[in-house]
Amino acid sequence: MDLVVSQAALAQTADDLGATVTAMAARLAQLDQELSPLRTEWIGSAQEAYVVARARWNAEIERLSGVLASARLSVMQSAAAYAEADRRGAAMFGR
């Protein structure tokens, strides 16, 4: 069984994970901005429900961002480890 690792694919995966985190944060910021004019009209339980929902969204995006950032770091570390193993293997053959 052969194990083939593409450094380019690992780098692209790390970039994609980073871009996903950025895009999610941007979309939530946009949503918050779009809802801003409506928030001034909400009173009582409607306003309270929004505040609770917004806090939940923000907490979840932070949690998910952390998960994706951790996955990105793991991919980058894996890429570095595979590259180093490849260099050591090549050195064994005098390249």
PDB file of N, CA and C in Angstrom:
ATOM      1  N   MET A   1       0.839  -1.174   0.000  1.00  0.00           N
ATOM      2  CA  MET A   1       0.000   0.000   0.000  1.00  0.00           C
ATOM      3  C   MET A   1       0.885   1.239   0.000  1.00  0.00           C
ATOM      4  N   ASP A   2       0.610   2.150  -0.907  1.00  0.00           N
ATOM      5  CA  ASP A   2       1.375   3.390  -0.999  1.00  0.00           C
ATOM      6  C   ASP A   2       0.641   4.506  -0.272  1.00  0.00           C
ATOM      7  N   LEU A   3       1.412   5.356   0.341  1.00  0.00           N
ATOM      8  CA  LEU A   3       0.873   6.550   0.974  1.00  0.00           C
ATOM      9  C   LEU A   3       1.419   7.735   0.204  1.00  0.00           C
ATOM     10  N   VAL A   4       0.529   8.493  -0.393  1.00  0.00           N
ATOM     11  CA  VAL A   4       0.932   9.658  -1.172  1.00  0.00           C
ATOM     12  C   VAL A   4       0.336  10.893  -0.509  1.00  0.00           C
ATOM     13  N   VAL A   5       1.193  11.851  -0.218  1.00  0.00           N
ATOM     14  CA  VAL A   5       0.753  13.092   0.409  1.00  0.00           C
ATOM     15  C   VAL A   5       1.067  14.236  -0.534  1.00  0.00           C
ATOM     16  N   SER A   6       0.069  15.012  -0.824  1.00  0.00           N
ATOM     17  CA  SER A   6       0.249  16.179  -1.684  1.00  0.00           C
ATOM     18  C   SER A   6       0.403  17.422  -0.815  1.00  0.00           C
ATOM     19  N   GLN A   7       1.605  17.993  -0.850  1.00  0.00           N
ATOM     20  CA  GLN A   7       1.840  19.216  -0.085  1.00  0.00           C
ATOM     21  C   GLN A   7       0.905  20.334  -0.542  1.00  0.00           C
ATOM     22  N   ALA A   8       0.668  20.399  -1.840  1.00  0.00           N
ATOM     23  CA  ALA A   8      -0.223  21.438  -2.373  1.00  0.00           C
ATOM     24  C   ALA A   8      -1.643  21.257  -1.847  1.00  0.00           C
ATOM     25  N   ALA A   9      -2.105  20.009  -1.781  1.00  0.00           N
ATOM     26  CA  ALA A   9      -3.460  19.747  -1.276  1.00  0.00           C
ATOM     27  C   ALA A   9      -3.568  20.095   0.207  1.00  0.00           C
ATOM     28  N   LEU A  10      -2.529  19.781   0.972  1.00  0.00           N
ATOM     29  CA  LEU A  10      -2.542  20.138   2.389  1.00  0.00           C
ATOM     30  C   LEU A  10      -2.549  21.652   2.567  1.00  0.00           C
ATOM     31  N   ALA A  11      -1.740  22.345   1.785  1.00  0.00           N
ATOM     32  CA  ALA A  11      -1.702  23.807   1.866  1.00  0.00           C
ATOM     33  C   ALA A  11      -3.056  24.397   1.474  1.00  0.00           C
ATOM     34  N   GLN A  12      -3.671  23.841   0.438  1.00  0.00           N
ATOM     35  CA  GLN A  12      -4.980  24.333  -0.001  1.00  0.00           C
ATOM     36  C   GLN A  12      -6.041  24.087   1.070  1.00  0.00           C
ATOM     37  N   THR A  13      -5.978  22.931   1.712  1.00  0.00           N
ATOM     38  CA  THR A  13      -6.925  22.625   2.783  1.00  0.00           C
ATOM     39  C   THR A  13      -6.778  23.612   3.931  1.00  0.00           C
ATOM     40  N   ALA A  14      -5.545  23.902   4.316  1.00  0.00           N
ATOM     41  CA  ALA A  14      -5.307  24.874   5.383  1.00  0.00           C
ATOM     42  C   ALA A  14      -5.842  26.244   4.986  1.00  0.00           C
ATOM     43  N   ASP A  15      -5.598  26.648   3.751  1.00  0.00           N
ATOM     44  CA  ASP A  15      -6.115  27.934   3.268  1.00  0.00           C
ATOM     45  C   ASP A  15      -7.637  27.948   3.260  1.00  0.00           C
ATOM     46  N   ASP A  16      -8.239  26.845   2.823  1.00  0.00           N
ATOM     47  CA  ASP A  16      -9.702  26.752   2.775  1.00  0.00           C
ATOM     48  C   ASP A  16     -10.314  26.852   4.169  1.00  0.00           C
ATOM     49  N   LEU A  17      -9.694  26.204   5.146  1.00  0.00           N
ATOM     50  CA  LEU A  17     -10.193  26.285   6.517  1.00  0.00           C
ATOM     51  C   LEU A  17     -10.113  27.717   7.037  1.00  0.00           C
ATOM     52  N   GLY A  18      -9.005  28.386   6.768  1.00  0.00           N
ATOM     53  CA  GLY A  18      -8.867  29.780   7.180  1.00  0.00           C
ATOM     54  C   GLY A  18      -9.895  30.673   6.509  1.00  0.00           C
ATOM     55  N   ALA A  19     -10.131  30.451   5.225  1.00  0.00           N
ATOM     56  CA  ALA A  19     -11.112  31.249   4.485  1.00  0.00           C
ATOM     57  C   ALA A  19     -12.523  31.002   4.998  1.00  0.00           C
ATOM     58  N   THR A  20     -12.812  29.775   5.404  1.00  0.00           N
ATOM     59  CA  THR A  20     -14.134  29.452   5.936  1.00  0.00           C
ATOM     60  C   THR A  20     -14.395  30.205   7.230  1.00  0.00           C
ATOM     61  N   VAL A  21     -13.414  30.247   8.108  1.00  0.00           N
ATOM     62  CA  VAL A  21     -13.551  30.989   9.360  1.00  0.00           C
ATOM     63  C   VAL A  21     -13.817  32.461   9.070  1.00  0.00           C
ATOM     64  N   THR A  22     -13.047  33.029   8.163  1.00  0.00           N
ATOM     65  CA  THR A  22     -13.207  34.440   7.804  1.00  0.00           C
ATOM     66  C   THR A  22     -14.579  34.703   7.203  1.00  0.00           C
ATOM     67  N   ALA A  23     -15.024  33.834   6.308  1.00  0.00           N
ATOM     68  CA  ALA A  23     -16.322  34.013   5.652  1.00  0.00           C
ATOM     69  C   ALA A  23     -17.473  33.908   6.648  1.00  0.00           C
ATOM     70  N   MET A  24     -17.377  32.984   7.588  1.00  0.00           N
ATOM     71  CA  MET A  24     -18.446  32.842   8.579  1.00  0.00           C
ATOM     72  C   MET A  24     -18.538  34.080   9.461  1.00  0.00           C
ATOM     73  N   ALA A  25     -17.414  34.574   9.899  1.00  0.00           N
ATOM     74  CA  ALA A  25     -17.407  35.771  10.732  1.00  0.00           C
ATOM     75  C   ALA A  25     -17.951  36.970   9.963  1.00  0.00           C
ATOM     76  N   ALA A  26     -17.579  37.086   8.697  1.00  0.00           N
ATOM     77  CA  ALA A  26     -18.066  38.196   7.871  1.00  0.00           C
ATOM     78  C   ALA A  26     -19.572  38.109   7.672  1.00  0.00           C
ATOM     79  N   ARG A  27     -20.091  36.904   7.461  1.00  0.00           N
ATOM     80  CA  ARG A  27     -21.535  36.739   7.252  1.00  0.00           C
ATOM     81  C   ARG A  27     -22.314  37.088   8.508  1.00  0.00           C
ATOM     82  N   LEU A  28     -21.814  36.692   9.669  1.00  0.00           N
ATOM     83  CA  LEU A  28     -22.498  37.053  10.907  1.00  0.00           C
ATOM     84  C   LEU A  28     -22.452  38.552  11.154  1.00  0.00           C
ATOM     85  N   ALA A  29     -21.339  39.185  10.830  1.00  0.00           N
ATOM     86  CA  ALA A  29     -21.248  40.641  10.961  1.00  0.00           C
ATOM     87  C   ALA A  29     -22.233  41.320  10.017  1.00  0.00           C
ATOM     88  N   GLN A  30     -22.354  40.793   8.802  1.00  0.00           N
ATOM     89  CA  GLN A  30     -23.303  41.340   7.833  1.00  0.00           C
ATOM     90  C   GLN A  30     -24.736  41.164   8.330  1.00  0.00           C
ATOM     91  N   LEU A  31     -25.045  39.999   8.860  1.00  0.00           N
ATOM     92  CA  LEU A  31     -26.381  39.735   9.390  1.00  0.00           C
ATOM     93  C   LEU A  31     -26.701  40.695  10.524  1.00  0.00           C
ATOM     94  N   ASP A  32     -25.749  40.903  11.408  1.00  0.00           N
ATOM     95  CA  ASP A  32     -25.945  41.832  12.519  1.00  0.00           C
ATOM     96  C   ASP A  32     -26.208  43.240  12.004  1.00  0.00           C
ATOM     97  N   GLN A  33     -25.473  43.633  10.976  1.00  0.00           N
ATOM     98  CA  GLN A  33     -25.660  44.961  10.388  1.00  0.00           C
ATOM     99  C   GLN A  33     -27.038  45.075   9.723  1.00  0.00           C
ATOM    100  N   GLU A  34     -27.460  44.026   9.032  1.00  0.00           N
ATOM    101  CA  GLU A  34     -28.766  44.040   8.373  1.00  0.00           C
ATOM    102  C   GLU A  34     -29.911  44.110   9.384  1.00  0.00           C
ATOM    103  N   LEU A  35     -29.709  43.512  10.538  1.00  0.00           N
ATOM    104  CA  LEU A  35     -30.749  43.517  11.565  1.00  0.00           C
ATOM    105  C   LEU A  35     -30.729  44.775  12.423  1.00  0.00           C
ATOM    106  N   SER A  36     -29.671  45.543  12.324  1.00  0.00           N
ATOM    107  CA  SER A  36     -29.506  46.726  13.160  1.00  0.00           C
ATOM    108  C   SER A  36     -30.700  47.682  13.116  1.00  0.00           C
ATOM    109  N   PRO A  37     -31.226  48.035  11.939  1.00  0.00           N
ATOM    110  CA  PRO A  37     -32.380  48.947  11.921  1.00  0.00           C
ATOM    111  C   PRO A  37     -33.615  48.362  12.615  1.00  0.00           C
ATOM    112  N   LEU A  38     -33.766  47.070  12.561  1.00  0.00           N
ATOM    113  CA  LEU A  38     -34.931  46.430  13.175  1.00  0.00           C
ATOM    114  C   LEU A  38     -34.818  46.360  14.692  1.00  0.00           C
ATOM    115  N   ARG A  39     -33.594  46.261  15.183  1.00  0.00           N
ATOM    116  CA  ARG A  39     -33.401  46.113  16.636  1.00  0.00           C
ATOM    117  C   ARG A  39     -33.982  47.271  17.412  1.00  0.00           C
ATOM    118  N   THR A  40     -33.956  48.457  16.838  1.00  0.00           N
ATOM    119  CA  THR A  40     -34.490  49.620  17.550  1.00  0.00           C
ATOM    120  C   THR A  40     -36.007  49.548  17.697  1.00  0.00           C
ATOM    121  N   GLU A  41     -36.658  48.764  16.840  1.00  0.00           N
ATOM    122  CA  GLU A  41     -38.113  48.627  16.900  1.00  0.00           C
ATOM    123  C   GLU A  41     -38.553  47.507  17.837  1.00  0.00           C
ATOM    124  N   TRP A  42     -37.656  46.600  18.149  1.00  0.00           N
ATOM    125  CA  TRP A  42     -38.027  45.471  18.995  1.00  0.00           C
ATOM    126  C   TRP A  42     -38.021  45.892  20.458  1.00  0.00           C
ATOM    127  N   ILE A  43     -39.064  45.510  21.154  1.00  0.00           N
ATOM    128  CA  ILE A  43     -39.133  45.808  22.586  1.00  0.00           C
ATOM    129  C   ILE A  43     -39.562  44.549  23.323  1.00  0.00           C
ATOM    130  N   GLY A  44     -39.362  44.564  24.591  1.00  0.00           N
ATOM    131  CA  GLY A  44     -39.822  43.464  25.427  1.00  0.00           C
ATOM    132  C   GLY A  44     -39.222  42.122  25.061  1.00  0.00           C
ATOM    133  N   SER A  45     -40.113  41.121  24.950  1.00  0.00           N
ATOM    134  CA  SER A  45     -39.646  39.751  24.740  1.00  0.00           C
ATOM    135  C   SER A  45     -38.981  39.563  23.379  1.00  0.00           C
ATOM    136  N   ALA A  46     -39.403  40.319  22.363  1.00  0.00           N
ATOM    137  CA  ALA A  46     -38.765  40.210  21.040  1.00  0.00           C
ATOM    138  C   ALA A  46     -37.306  40.656  21.119  1.00  0.00           C
ATOM    139  N   GLN A  47     -37.090  41.770  21.789  1.00  0.00           N
ATOM    140  CA  GLN A  47     -35.723  42.273  21.937  1.00  0.00           C
ATOM    141  C   GLN A  47     -34.884  41.305  22.775  1.00  0.00           C
ATOM    142  N   GLU A  48     -35.487  40.808  23.832  1.00  0.00           N
ATOM    143  CA  GLU A  48     -34.783  39.875  24.705  1.00  0.00           C
ATOM    144  C   GLU A  48     -34.429  38.582  23.963  1.00  0.00           C
ATOM    145  N   ALA A  49     -35.352  38.079  23.159  1.00  0.00           N
ATOM    146  CA  ALA A  49     -35.100  36.855  22.385  1.00  0.00           C
ATOM    147  C   ALA A  49     -33.962  37.069  21.395  1.00  0.00           C
ATOM    148  N   TYR A  50     -33.926  38.246  20.772  1.00  0.00           N
ATOM    149  CA  TYR A  50     -32.842  38.531  19.829  1.00  0.00           C
ATOM    150  C   TYR A  50     -31.500  38.577  20.553  1.00  0.00           C
ATOM    151  N   VAL A  51     -31.468  39.234  21.694  1.00  0.00           N
ATOM    152  CA  VAL A  51     -30.214  39.346  22.446  1.00  0.00           C
ATOM    153  C   VAL A  51     -29.699  37.953  22.829  1.00  0.00           C
ATOM    154  N   VAL A  52     -30.603  37.089  23.261  1.00  0.00           N
ATOM    155  CA  VAL A  52     -30.214  35.723  23.627  1.00  0.00           C
ATOM    156  C   VAL A  52     -29.721  34.964  22.392  1.00  0.00           C
ATOM    157  N   ALA A  53     -30.473  35.064  21.292  1.00  0.00           N
ATOM    158  CA  ALA A  53     -30.080  34.368  20.057  1.00  0.00           C
ATOM    159  C   ALA A  53     -28.742  34.882  19.547  1.00  0.00           C
ATOM    160  N   ARG A  54     -28.555  36.182  19.586  1.00  0.00           N
ATOM    161  CA  ARG A  54     -27.293  36.779  19.108  1.00  0.00           C
ATOM    162  C   ARG A  54     -26.117  36.298  19.956  1.00  0.00           C
ATOM    163  N   ALA A  55     -26.308  36.254  21.256  1.00  0.00           N
ATOM    164  CA  ALA A  55     -25.240  35.767  22.136  1.00  0.00           C
ATOM    165  C   ALA A  55     -24.912  34.311  21.813  1.00  0.00           C
ATOM    166  N   ARG A  56     -25.946  33.514  21.531  1.00  0.00           N
ATOM    167  CA  ARG A  56     -25.737  32.108  21.181  1.00  0.00           C
ATOM    168  C   ARG A  56     -24.987  31.993  19.857  1.00  0.00           C
ATOM    169  N   TRP A  57     -25.388  32.801  18.854  1.00  0.00           N
ATOM    170  CA  TRP A  57     -24.692  32.784  17.553  1.00  0.00           C
ATOM    171  C   TRP A  57     -23.222  33.116  17.737  1.00  0.00           C
ATOM    172  N   ASN A  58     -22.989  34.195  18.492  1.00  0.00           N
ATOM    173  CA  ASN A  58     -21.604  34.634  18.684  1.00  0.00           C
ATOM    174  C   ASN A  58     -20.770  33.574  19.401  1.00  0.00           C
ATOM    175  N   ALA A  59     -21.356  32.940  20.410  1.00  0.00           N
ATOM    176  CA  ALA A  59     -20.627  31.896  21.132  1.00  0.00           C
ATOM    177  C   ALA A  59     -20.330  30.712  20.212  1.00  0.00           C
ATOM    178  N   GLU A  60     -21.299  30.326  19.408  1.00  0.00           N
ATOM    179  CA  GLU A  60     -21.101  29.185  18.511  1.00  0.00           C
ATOM    180  C   GLU A  60     -20.101  29.495  17.401  1.00  0.00           C
ATOM    181  N   ILE A  61     -20.140  30.716  16.867  1.00  0.00           N
ATOM    182  CA  ILE A  61     -19.178  31.052  15.813  1.00  0.00           C
ATOM    183  C   ILE A  61     -17.769  31.082  16.397  1.00  0.00           C
ATOM    184  N   GLU A  62     -17.642  31.548  17.624  1.00  0.00           N
ATOM    185  CA  GLU A  62     -16.322  31.535  18.262  1.00  0.00           C
ATOM    186  C   GLU A  62     -15.851  30.103  18.478  1.00  0.00           C
ATOM    187  N   ARG A  63     -16.752  29.238  18.931  1.00  0.00           N
ATOM    188  CA  ARG A  63     -16.397  27.835  19.155  1.00  0.00           C
ATOM    189  C   ARG A  63     -16.013  27.173  17.837  1.00  0.00           C
ATOM    190  N   LEU A  64     -16.840  27.366  16.817  1.00  0.00           N
ATOM    191  CA  LEU A  64     -16.570  26.759  15.518  1.00  0.00           C
ATOM    192  C   LEU A  64     -15.300  27.334  14.892  1.00  0.00           C
ATOM    193  N   SER A  65     -15.089  28.621  15.061  1.00  0.00           N
ATOM    194  CA  SER A  65     -13.856  29.238  14.557  1.00  0.00           C
ATOM    195  C   SER A  65     -12.640  28.610  15.222  1.00  0.00           C
ATOM    196  N   GLY A  66     -12.753  28.352  16.514  1.00  0.00           N
ATOM    197  CA  GLY A  66     -11.662  27.700  17.231  1.00  0.00           C
ATOM    198  C   GLY A  66     -11.399  26.295  16.716  1.00  0.00           C
ATOM    199  N   VAL A  67     -12.477  25.555  16.450  1.00  0.00           N
ATOM    200  CA  VAL A  67     -12.340  24.196  15.917  1.00  0.00           C
ATOM    201  C   VAL A  67     -11.666  24.230  14.549  1.00  0.00           C
ATOM    202  N   LEU A  68     -12.134  25.130  13.674  1.00  0.00           N
ATOM    203  CA  LEU A  68     -11.555  25.222  12.332  1.00  0.00           C
ATOM    204  C   LEU A  68     -10.113  25.712  12.375  1.00  0.00           C
ATOM    205  N   ALA A  69      -9.832  26.665  13.259  1.00  0.00           N
ATOM    206  CA  ALA A  69      -8.459  27.156  13.389  1.00  0.00           C
ATOM    207  C   ALA A  69      -7.545  26.037  13.889  1.00  0.00           C
ATOM    208  N   SER A  70      -8.049  25.226  14.813  1.00  0.00           N
ATOM    209  CA  SER A  70      -7.272  24.092  15.313  1.00  0.00           C
ATOM    210  C   SER A  70      -7.041  23.062  14.209  1.00  0.00           C
ATOM    211  N   ALA A  71      -8.078  22.804  13.418  1.00  0.00           N
ATOM    212  CA  ALA A  71      -7.934  21.865  12.297  1.00  0.00           C
ATOM    213  C   ALA A  71      -6.925  22.396  11.290  1.00  0.00           C
ATOM    214  N   ARG A  72      -6.978  23.697  11.036  1.00  0.00           N
ATOM    215  CA  ARG A  72      -6.031  24.321  10.102  1.00  0.00           C
ATOM    216  C   ARG A  72      -4.599  24.143  10.606  1.00  0.00           C
ATOM    217  N   LEU A  73      -4.399  24.392  11.882  1.00  0.00           N
ATOM    218  CA  LEU A  73      -3.068  24.232  12.468  1.00  0.00           C
ATOM    219  C   LEU A  73      -2.601  22.779  12.364  1.00  0.00           C
ATOM    220  N   SER A  74      -3.501  21.843  12.621  1.00  0.00           N
ATOM    221  CA  SER A  74      -3.145  20.422  12.505  1.00  0.00           C
ATOM    222  C   SER A  74      -2.744  20.062  11.081  1.00  0.00           C
ATOM    223  N   VAL A  75      -3.476  20.594  10.105  1.00  0.00           N
ATOM    224  CA  VAL A  75      -3.138  20.333   8.697  1.00  0.00           C
ATOM    225  C   VAL A  75      -1.764  20.905   8.377  1.00  0.00           C
ATOM    226  N   MET A  76      -1.502  22.122   8.853  1.00  0.00           N
ATOM    227  CA  MET A  76      -0.205  22.749   8.591  1.00  0.00           C
ATOM    228  C   MET A  76       0.927  21.956   9.251  1.00  0.00           C
ATOM    229  N   GLN A  77       0.695  21.485  10.471  1.00  0.00           N
ATOM    230  CA  GLN A  77       1.709  20.691  11.162  1.00  0.00           C
ATOM    231  C   GLN A  77       1.932  19.358  10.450  1.00  0.00           C
ATOM    232  N   SER A  78       0.854  18.758   9.970  1.00  0.00           N
ATOM    233  CA  SER A  78       0.981  17.506   9.213  1.00  0.00           C
ATOM    234  C   SER A  78       1.786  17.727   7.944  1.00  0.00           C
ATOM    235  N   ALA A  79       1.508  18.820   7.259  1.00  0.00           N
ATOM    236  CA  ALA A  79       2.240  19.130   6.027  1.00  0.00           C
ATOM    237  C   ALA A  79       3.727  19.279   6.324  1.00  0.00           C
ATOM    238  N   ALA A  80       4.050  19.973   7.406  1.00  0.00           N
ATOM    239  CA  ALA A  80       5.457  20.155   7.774  1.00  0.00           C
ATOM    240  C   ALA A  80       6.106  18.817   8.134  1.00  0.00           C
ATOM    241  N   ALA A  81       5.378  17.974   8.855  1.00  0.00           N
ATOM    242  CA  ALA A  81       5.925  16.668   9.242  1.00  0.00           C
ATOM    243  C   ALA A  81       6.151  15.781   8.020  1.00  0.00           C
ATOM    244  N   TYR A  82       5.197  15.778   7.087  1.00  0.00           N
ATOM    245  CA  TYR A  82       5.371  14.983   5.868  1.00  0.00           C
ATOM    246  C   TYR A  82       6.535  15.511   5.029  1.00  0.00           C
ATOM    247  N   ALA A  83       6.670  16.828   4.948  1.00  0.00           N
ATOM    248  CA  ALA A  83       7.770  17.412   4.173  1.00  0.00           C
ATOM    249  C   ALA A  83       9.113  17.035   4.794  1.00  0.00           C
ATOM    250  N   GLU A  84       9.177  17.074   6.113  1.00  0.00           N
ATOM    251  CA  GLU A  84      10.422  16.706   6.796  1.00  0.00           C
ATOM    252  C   GLU A  84      10.739  15.225   6.589  1.00  0.00           C
ATOM    253  N   ALA A  85       9.734  14.374   6.672  1.00  0.00           N
ATOM    254  CA  ALA A  85       9.948  12.937   6.430  1.00  0.00           C
ATOM    255  C   ALA A  85      10.420  12.702   5.001  1.00  0.00           C
ATOM    256  N   ASP A  86       9.873  13.447   4.069  1.00  0.00           N
ATOM    257  CA  ASP A  86      10.290  13.328   2.668  1.00  0.00           C
ATOM    258  C   ASP A  86      11.748  13.759   2.504  1.00  0.00           C
ATOM    259  N   ARG A  87      12.135  14.851   3.173  1.00  0.00           N
ATOM    260  CA  ARG A  87      13.528  15.318   3.108  1.00  0.00           C
ATOM    261  C   ARG A  87      14.480  14.273   3.696  1.00  0.00           C
ATOM    262  N   ARG A  88      14.078  13.688   4.824  1.00  0.00           N
ATOM    263  CA  ARG A  88      14.924  12.652   5.445  1.00  0.00           C
ATOM    264  C   ARG A  88      15.046  11.436   4.533  1.00  0.00           C
ATOM    265  N   GLY A  89      13.938  11.049   3.917  1.00  0.00           N
ATOM    266  CA  GLY A  89      13.973   9.916   2.988  1.00  0.00           C
ATOM    267  C   GLY A  89      14.873  10.188   1.805  1.00  0.00           C
ATOM    268  N   ALA A  90      14.783  11.390   1.259  1.00  0.00           N
ATOM    269  CA  ALA A  90      15.632  11.754   0.120  1.00  0.00           C
ATOM    270  C   ALA A  90      17.100  11.784   0.540  1.00  0.00           C
ATOM    271  N   ALA A  91      17.373  12.248   1.759  1.00  0.00           N
ATOM    272  CA  ALA A  91      18.755  12.317   2.245  1.00  0.00           C
ATOM    273  C   ALA A  91      19.362  10.921   2.388  1.00  0.00           C
ATOM    274  N   MET A  92      18.524   9.956   2.698  1.00  0.00           N
ATOM    275  CA  MET A  92      19.020   8.580   2.821  1.00  0.00           C
ATOM    276  C   MET A  92      19.537   8.059   1.483  1.00  0.00           C
ATOM    277  N   PHE A  93      19.016   8.602   0.409  1.00  0.00           N
ATOM    278  CA  PHE A  93      19.445   8.185  -0.928  1.00  0.00           C
ATOM    279  C   PHE A  93      20.419   9.185  -1.536  1.00  0.00           C
ATOM    280  N   GLY A  94      20.918  10.104  -0.709  1.00  0.00           N
ATOM    281  CA  GLY A  94      21.933  11.044  -1.158  1.00  0.00           C
ATOM    282  C   GLY A  94      21.421  12.156  -2.042  1.00  0.00           C
ATOM    283  N   ARG A  95      20.140  12.466  -1.937  1.00  0.00           N
ATOM    284  CA  ARG A  95      19.610  13.563  -2.765  1.00  0.00           C
ATOM    285  C   ARG A  95      19.454  14.810  -1.961  1.00  0.00           C
TER     286      ARG A  95
END
